[in-house]
Amino acid sequence: MIKVKRVNPIEEWDDAISLIKANWSESNQPIEFNADDARRFYEYLYENSALFAIGAYQLDELVGYCLVSVVPHPFNQSVKMCNIDGFFVIPRLRRGRTASKMMDIVREIAKEYNANFIH
């Protein structure tokens, strides 16, 4: 059984870092991942109410995460956008409903932020 819930991204960072690195590796990014810079940036966003996170757990193990920033649109600041910055589920659980459960919660929380779009 997988439990999906909203989590504090900063408190869960140490548990999530291996998944974040795996996600980065799978994404074939042309630049190196810098965990320290990423953490500082996400801390800044979270402290300014511009970031939320979803965690998926099997027993006590984090098996999936989603990081979402919430920012005004550059061309019209009255429009709020939720940008999915990272979304990852471990390979052995990708055929189940874990990812769709995570997106359901993202949609619910986006409403709390009065977001107009999810990207």
N, C-alpha and C. Protein backbone atom coordinates (compact mmCIF):
# COMPACT_ATOMS: atom_id res chain seq x y z
N MET A 1 0.84 -1.19 0.00
CA MET A 1 0.00 0.00 0.00
C MET A 1 0.88 1.25 0.00
N ILE A 2 0.59 2.15 -0.92
CA ILE A 2 1.33 3.39 -1.03
C ILE A 2 0.51 4.52 -0.43
N LYS A 3 1.12 5.29 0.46
CA LYS A 3 0.47 6.45 1.04
C LYS A 3 1.06 7.70 0.38
N VAL A 4 0.18 8.56 -0.12
CA VAL A 4 0.60 9.78 -0.79
C VAL A 4 0.09 10.96 0.01
N LYS A 5 0.98 11.93 0.30
CA LYS A 5 0.56 13.06 1.12
C LYS A 5 1.45 14.28 0.86
N ARG A 6 0.94 15.42 1.28
CA ARG A 6 1.73 16.65 1.24
C ARG A 6 2.79 16.58 2.33
N VAL A 7 4.00 17.03 2.00
CA VAL A 7 5.10 16.98 2.96
C VAL A 7 5.85 18.31 2.96
N ASN A 8 6.62 18.52 3.99
CA ASN A 8 7.51 19.67 4.04
C ASN A 8 8.77 19.31 3.24
N PRO A 9 9.01 19.98 2.13
CA PRO A 9 10.14 19.59 1.28
C PRO A 9 11.50 19.75 1.94
N ILE A 10 11.62 20.66 2.87
CA ILE A 10 12.90 20.87 3.52
C ILE A 10 13.15 19.78 4.56
N GLU A 11 12.13 19.43 5.32
CA GLU A 11 12.28 18.35 6.31
C GLU A 11 12.54 17.01 5.65
N GLU A 12 12.02 16.80 4.45
CA GLU A 12 12.16 15.52 3.75
C GLU A 12 13.35 15.50 2.80
N TRP A 13 14.10 16.60 2.71
CA TRP A 13 15.18 16.71 1.72
C TRP A 13 16.17 15.55 1.79
N ASP A 14 16.64 15.23 2.99
CA ASP A 14 17.65 14.18 3.12
C ASP A 14 17.13 12.82 2.64
N ASP A 15 15.85 12.54 2.88
CA ASP A 15 15.27 11.29 2.39
C ASP A 15 15.05 11.34 0.88
N ALA A 16 14.77 12.52 0.36
CA ALA A 16 14.44 12.65 -1.06
C ALA A 16 15.65 12.78 -1.97
N ILE A 17 16.80 13.13 -1.43
CA ILE A 17 17.93 13.47 -2.29
C ILE A 17 18.33 12.31 -3.22
N SER A 18 18.25 11.08 -2.76
CA SER A 18 18.62 9.97 -3.66
C SER A 18 17.62 9.86 -4.82
N LEU A 19 16.34 10.14 -4.56
CA LEU A 19 15.34 10.11 -5.63
C LEU A 19 15.53 11.30 -6.57
N ILE A 20 15.85 12.45 -6.02
CA ILE A 20 16.08 13.64 -6.84
C ILE A 20 17.27 13.41 -7.78
N LYS A 21 18.33 12.82 -7.26
CA LYS A 21 19.50 12.52 -8.08
C LYS A 21 19.17 11.49 -9.15
N ALA A 22 18.38 10.48 -8.81
CA ALA A 22 17.98 9.47 -9.80
C ALA A 22 17.14 10.11 -10.89
N ASN A 23 16.24 11.01 -10.51
CA ASN A 23 15.42 11.74 -11.48
C ASN A 23 16.31 12.55 -12.41
N TRP A 24 17.27 13.27 -11.84
CA TRP A 24 18.17 14.10 -12.64
C TRP A 24 18.95 13.22 -13.63
N SER A 25 19.42 12.09 -13.15
CA SER A 25 20.18 11.17 -14.00
C SER A 25 19.33 10.65 -15.15
N GLU A 26 18.10 10.26 -14.86
CA GLU A 26 17.19 9.75 -15.90
C GLU A 26 16.83 10.82 -16.92
N SER A 27 16.87 12.07 -16.50
CA SER A 27 16.46 13.18 -17.38
C SER A 27 17.52 13.57 -18.39
N ASN A 28 18.73 12.99 -18.27
CA ASN A 28 19.83 13.28 -19.20
C ASN A 28 20.11 14.77 -19.32
N GLN A 29 20.15 15.44 -18.19
CA GLN A 29 20.44 16.87 -18.18
C GLN A 29 21.88 17.13 -18.61
N PRO A 30 22.12 18.18 -19.39
CA PRO A 30 23.49 18.45 -19.86
C PRO A 30 24.37 19.16 -18.83
N ILE A 31 23.81 19.45 -17.65
CA ILE A 31 24.60 20.11 -16.61
C ILE A 31 24.59 19.26 -15.36
N GLU A 32 25.57 19.48 -14.51
CA GLU A 32 25.70 18.70 -13.28
C GLU A 32 24.66 19.15 -12.25
N PHE A 33 24.12 18.21 -11.52
CA PHE A 33 23.18 18.50 -10.44
C PHE A 33 23.96 18.97 -9.22
N ASN A 34 23.56 20.09 -8.63
CA ASN A 34 24.21 20.61 -7.44
C ASN A 34 23.18 20.60 -6.31
N ALA A 35 23.27 19.60 -5.46
CA ALA A 35 22.28 19.41 -4.40
C ALA A 35 22.25 20.57 -3.41
N ASP A 36 23.40 21.14 -3.10
CA ASP A 36 23.43 22.24 -2.14
C ASP A 36 22.73 23.48 -2.69
N ASP A 37 23.01 23.81 -3.95
CA ASP A 37 22.32 24.95 -4.57
C ASP A 37 20.82 24.71 -4.66
N ALA A 38 20.45 23.51 -5.04
CA ALA A 38 19.03 23.18 -5.16
C ALA A 38 18.34 23.33 -3.80
N ARG A 39 18.97 22.79 -2.77
CA ARG A 39 18.35 22.89 -1.44
C ARG A 39 18.18 24.35 -1.02
N ARG A 40 19.20 25.16 -1.22
CA ARG A 40 19.09 26.59 -0.86
C ARG A 40 17.95 27.27 -1.62
N PHE A 41 17.85 26.98 -2.90
CA PHE A 41 16.79 27.59 -3.70
C PHE A 41 15.41 27.13 -3.24
N TYR A 42 15.26 25.83 -3.00
CA TYR A 42 13.96 25.32 -2.52
C TYR A 42 13.64 25.85 -1.13
N GLU A 43 14.63 26.01 -0.27
CA GLU A 43 14.39 26.61 1.05
C GLU A 43 13.85 28.03 0.89
N TYR A 44 14.46 28.79 -0.01
CA TYR A 44 14.00 30.16 -0.28
C TYR A 44 12.54 30.14 -0.75
N LEU A 45 12.24 29.30 -1.72
CA LEU A 45 10.86 29.22 -2.22
C LEU A 45 9.88 28.82 -1.11
N TYR A 46 10.27 27.82 -0.33
CA TYR A 46 9.38 27.33 0.73
C TYR A 46 9.14 28.41 1.80
N GLU A 47 10.20 29.09 2.19
CA GLU A 47 10.07 30.16 3.19
C GLU A 47 9.19 31.30 2.70
N ASN A 48 9.08 31.45 1.39
CA ASN A 48 8.25 32.50 0.80
C ASN A 48 6.92 31.97 0.26
N SER A 49 6.50 30.83 0.77
CA SER A 49 5.21 30.21 0.41
C SER A 49 5.05 30.01 -1.09
N ALA A 50 6.15 29.69 -1.75
CA ALA A 50 6.12 29.50 -3.20
C ALA A 50 6.52 28.08 -3.60
N LEU A 51 6.44 27.14 -2.65
CA LEU A 51 6.83 25.76 -2.95
C LEU A 51 6.00 24.82 -2.08
N PHE A 52 5.55 23.73 -2.69
CA PHE A 52 4.98 22.64 -1.91
C PHE A 52 5.49 21.32 -2.48
N ALA A 53 5.33 20.26 -1.71
CA ALA A 53 5.85 18.96 -2.13
C ALA A 53 4.87 17.86 -1.77
N ILE A 54 4.92 16.81 -2.56
CA ILE A 54 4.13 15.61 -2.33
C ILE A 54 5.12 14.46 -2.16
N GLY A 55 4.85 13.60 -1.20
CA GLY A 55 5.67 12.42 -1.00
C GLY A 55 4.82 11.17 -1.12
N ALA A 56 5.39 10.13 -1.68
CA ALA A 56 4.73 8.83 -1.76
C ALA A 56 5.56 7.86 -0.92
N TYR A 57 4.90 7.14 -0.04
CA TYR A 57 5.59 6.28 0.92
C TYR A 57 5.05 4.86 0.85
N GLN A 58 5.99 3.92 0.85
CA GLN A 58 5.64 2.51 1.03
C GLN A 58 6.23 2.14 2.38
N LEU A 59 5.35 1.87 3.32
CA LEU A 59 5.73 1.76 4.73
C LEU A 59 6.38 3.08 5.11
N ASP A 60 7.62 3.10 5.54
CA ASP A 60 8.28 4.36 5.90
C ASP A 60 9.28 4.83 4.84
N GLU A 61 9.32 4.13 3.71
CA GLU A 61 10.29 4.47 2.66
C GLU A 61 9.69 5.45 1.66
N LEU A 62 10.39 6.55 1.40
CA LEU A 62 9.98 7.49 0.36
C LEU A 62 10.25 6.84 -0.99
N VAL A 63 9.19 6.67 -1.78
CA VAL A 63 9.31 5.99 -3.07
C VAL A 63 8.93 6.89 -4.24
N GLY A 64 8.52 8.12 -3.93
CA GLY A 64 8.19 9.07 -4.98
C GLY A 64 8.08 10.46 -4.40
N TYR A 65 8.32 11.46 -5.25
CA TYR A 65 8.20 12.84 -4.80
C TYR A 65 7.75 13.72 -5.95
N CYS A 66 7.20 14.86 -5.59
CA CYS A 66 6.87 15.89 -6.56
C CYS A 66 7.12 17.23 -5.88
N LEU A 67 7.94 18.07 -6.52
CA LEU A 67 8.21 19.43 -6.04
C LEU A 67 7.51 20.41 -6.97
N VAL A 68 6.75 21.34 -6.39
CA VAL A 68 5.95 22.27 -7.19
C VAL A 68 6.19 23.69 -6.70
N SER A 69 6.66 24.55 -7.61
CA SER A 69 6.78 25.96 -7.27
C SER A 69 5.51 26.68 -7.73
N VAL A 70 5.15 27.71 -7.00
CA VAL A 70 3.96 28.50 -7.32
C VAL A 70 4.41 29.94 -7.50
N VAL A 71 4.29 30.43 -8.71
CA VAL A 71 4.80 31.77 -9.03
C VAL A 71 3.83 32.51 -9.95
N PRO A 72 3.89 33.84 -9.92
CA PRO A 72 3.07 34.60 -10.87
C PRO A 72 3.60 34.42 -12.29
N HIS A 73 2.72 34.52 -13.24
CA HIS A 73 3.12 34.46 -14.65
C HIS A 73 3.92 35.72 -14.98
N PRO A 74 5.01 35.61 -15.72
CA PRO A 74 5.84 36.78 -16.01
C PRO A 74 5.11 37.90 -16.76
N PHE A 75 4.13 37.56 -17.58
CA PHE A 75 3.43 38.57 -18.39
C PHE A 75 2.20 39.15 -17.71
N ASN A 76 1.71 38.46 -16.68
CA ASN A 76 0.52 38.92 -15.97
C ASN A 76 0.57 38.36 -14.56
N GLN A 77 1.01 39.17 -13.62
CA GLN A 77 1.23 38.67 -12.27
C GLN A 77 -0.04 38.30 -11.50
N SER A 78 -1.20 38.61 -12.04
CA SER A 78 -2.43 38.16 -11.38
C SER A 78 -2.71 36.69 -11.70
N VAL A 79 -1.99 36.14 -12.66
CA VAL A 79 -2.13 34.73 -13.04
C VAL A 79 -1.07 33.93 -12.28
N LYS A 80 -1.51 32.92 -11.52
CA LYS A 80 -0.58 32.09 -10.76
C LYS A 80 -0.37 30.77 -11.49
N MET A 81 0.89 30.37 -11.52
CA MET A 81 1.26 29.12 -12.18
C MET A 81 1.91 28.17 -11.19
N CYS A 82 1.48 26.92 -11.22
CA CYS A 82 2.16 25.86 -10.48
C CYS A 82 3.07 25.17 -11.48
N ASN A 83 4.36 25.17 -11.20
CA ASN A 83 5.35 24.54 -12.08
C ASN A 83 5.91 23.30 -11.40
N ILE A 84 5.71 22.17 -12.01
CA ILE A 84 6.25 20.94 -11.45
C ILE A 84 7.75 20.92 -11.76
N ASP A 85 8.54 21.09 -10.71
CA ASP A 85 9.99 21.18 -10.85
C ASP A 85 10.65 19.81 -10.84
N GLY A 86 10.02 18.87 -10.21
CA GLY A 86 10.56 17.51 -10.14
C GLY A 86 9.44 16.54 -9.85
N PHE A 87 9.43 15.43 -10.56
CA PHE A 87 8.40 14.41 -10.36
C PHE A 87 9.06 13.07 -10.61
N PHE A 88 9.02 12.20 -9.60
CA PHE A 88 9.73 10.93 -9.73
C PHE A 88 9.05 9.87 -8.88
N VAL A 89 8.93 8.68 -9.45
CA VAL A 89 8.47 7.49 -8.75
C VAL A 89 9.48 6.40 -9.07
N ILE A 90 9.88 5.63 -8.07
CA ILE A 90 10.88 4.60 -8.32
C ILE A 90 10.37 3.63 -9.39
N PRO A 91 11.27 3.10 -10.20
CA PRO A 91 10.86 2.29 -11.35
C PRO A 91 9.91 1.13 -11.03
N ARG A 92 10.12 0.44 -9.93
CA ARG A 92 9.28 -0.74 -9.66
C ARG A 92 7.82 -0.39 -9.36
N LEU A 93 7.52 0.90 -9.11
CA LEU A 93 6.15 1.31 -8.80
C LEU A 93 5.51 2.14 -9.91
N ARG A 94 6.12 2.23 -11.05
CA ARG A 94 5.62 3.10 -12.11
C ARG A 94 4.39 2.56 -12.83
N ARG A 95 4.09 1.31 -12.69
CA ARG A 95 2.93 0.75 -13.37
C ARG A 95 1.64 0.88 -12.54
N GLY A 96 1.77 1.31 -11.33
CA GLY A 96 0.60 1.45 -10.46
C GLY A 96 -0.02 2.83 -10.56
N ARG A 97 -0.79 3.19 -9.56
CA ARG A 97 -1.50 4.47 -9.53
C ARG A 97 -0.78 5.53 -8.70
N THR A 98 0.44 5.27 -8.28
CA THR A 98 1.16 6.22 -7.42
C THR A 98 1.26 7.59 -8.06
N ALA A 99 1.69 7.66 -9.30
CA ALA A 99 1.86 8.96 -9.97
C ALA A 99 0.53 9.69 -10.12
N SER A 100 -0.53 8.98 -10.45
CA SER A 100 -1.82 9.67 -10.61
C SER A 100 -2.36 10.14 -9.26
N LYS A 101 -2.10 9.39 -8.20
CA LYS A 101 -2.49 9.85 -6.86
C LYS A 101 -1.73 11.12 -6.49
N MET A 102 -0.45 11.16 -6.85
CA MET A 102 0.35 12.34 -6.56
C MET A 102 -0.20 13.55 -7.32
N MET A 103 -0.55 13.36 -8.59
CA MET A 103 -1.10 14.47 -9.38
C MET A 103 -2.45 14.93 -8.85
N ASP A 104 -3.26 14.01 -8.33
CA ASP A 104 -4.54 14.40 -7.72
C ASP A 104 -4.30 15.38 -6.58
N ILE A 105 -3.31 15.10 -5.75
CA ILE A 105 -3.01 15.99 -4.62
C ILE A 105 -2.42 17.31 -5.12
N VAL A 106 -1.59 17.26 -6.15
CA VAL A 106 -1.06 18.50 -6.73
C VAL A 106 -2.22 19.39 -7.16
N ARG A 107 -3.21 18.81 -7.84
CA ARG A 107 -4.37 19.60 -8.29
C ARG A 107 -5.13 20.21 -7.11
N GLU A 108 -5.32 19.44 -6.05
CA GLU A 108 -6.02 19.95 -4.86
C GLU A 108 -5.26 21.13 -4.25
N ILE A 109 -3.97 20.98 -4.08
CA ILE A 109 -3.17 22.04 -3.46
C ILE A 109 -3.08 23.26 -4.38
N ALA A 110 -3.00 23.04 -5.68
CA ALA A 110 -2.98 24.16 -6.63
C ALA A 110 -4.22 25.03 -6.45
N LYS A 111 -5.35 24.42 -6.14
CA LYS A 111 -6.58 25.19 -5.88
C LYS A 111 -6.42 26.06 -4.64
N GLU A 112 -5.75 25.53 -3.61
CA GLU A 112 -5.51 26.31 -2.39
C GLU A 112 -4.69 27.56 -2.69
N TYR A 113 -3.80 27.46 -3.66
CA TYR A 113 -2.96 28.58 -4.06
C TYR A 113 -3.65 29.47 -5.10
N ASN A 114 -4.88 29.11 -5.46
CA ASN A 114 -5.61 29.83 -6.52
C ASN A 114 -4.83 29.86 -7.82
N ALA A 115 -4.18 28.77 -8.13
CA ALA A 115 -3.38 28.67 -9.35
C ALA A 115 -4.30 28.55 -10.57
N ASN A 116 -3.89 29.20 -11.64
CA ASN A 116 -4.63 29.14 -12.88
C ASN A 116 -4.15 28.03 -13.79
N PHE A 117 -2.89 27.63 -13.65
CA PHE A 117 -2.30 26.63 -14.51
C PHE A 117 -1.38 25.70 -13.74
N ILE A 118 -1.22 24.50 -14.23
CA ILE A 118 -0.20 23.57 -13.73
C ILE A 118 0.65 23.20 -14.94
N HIS A 119 1.95 23.43 -14.81
CA HIS A 119 2.90 23.08 -15.90
C HIS A 119 3.84 22.03 -15.41
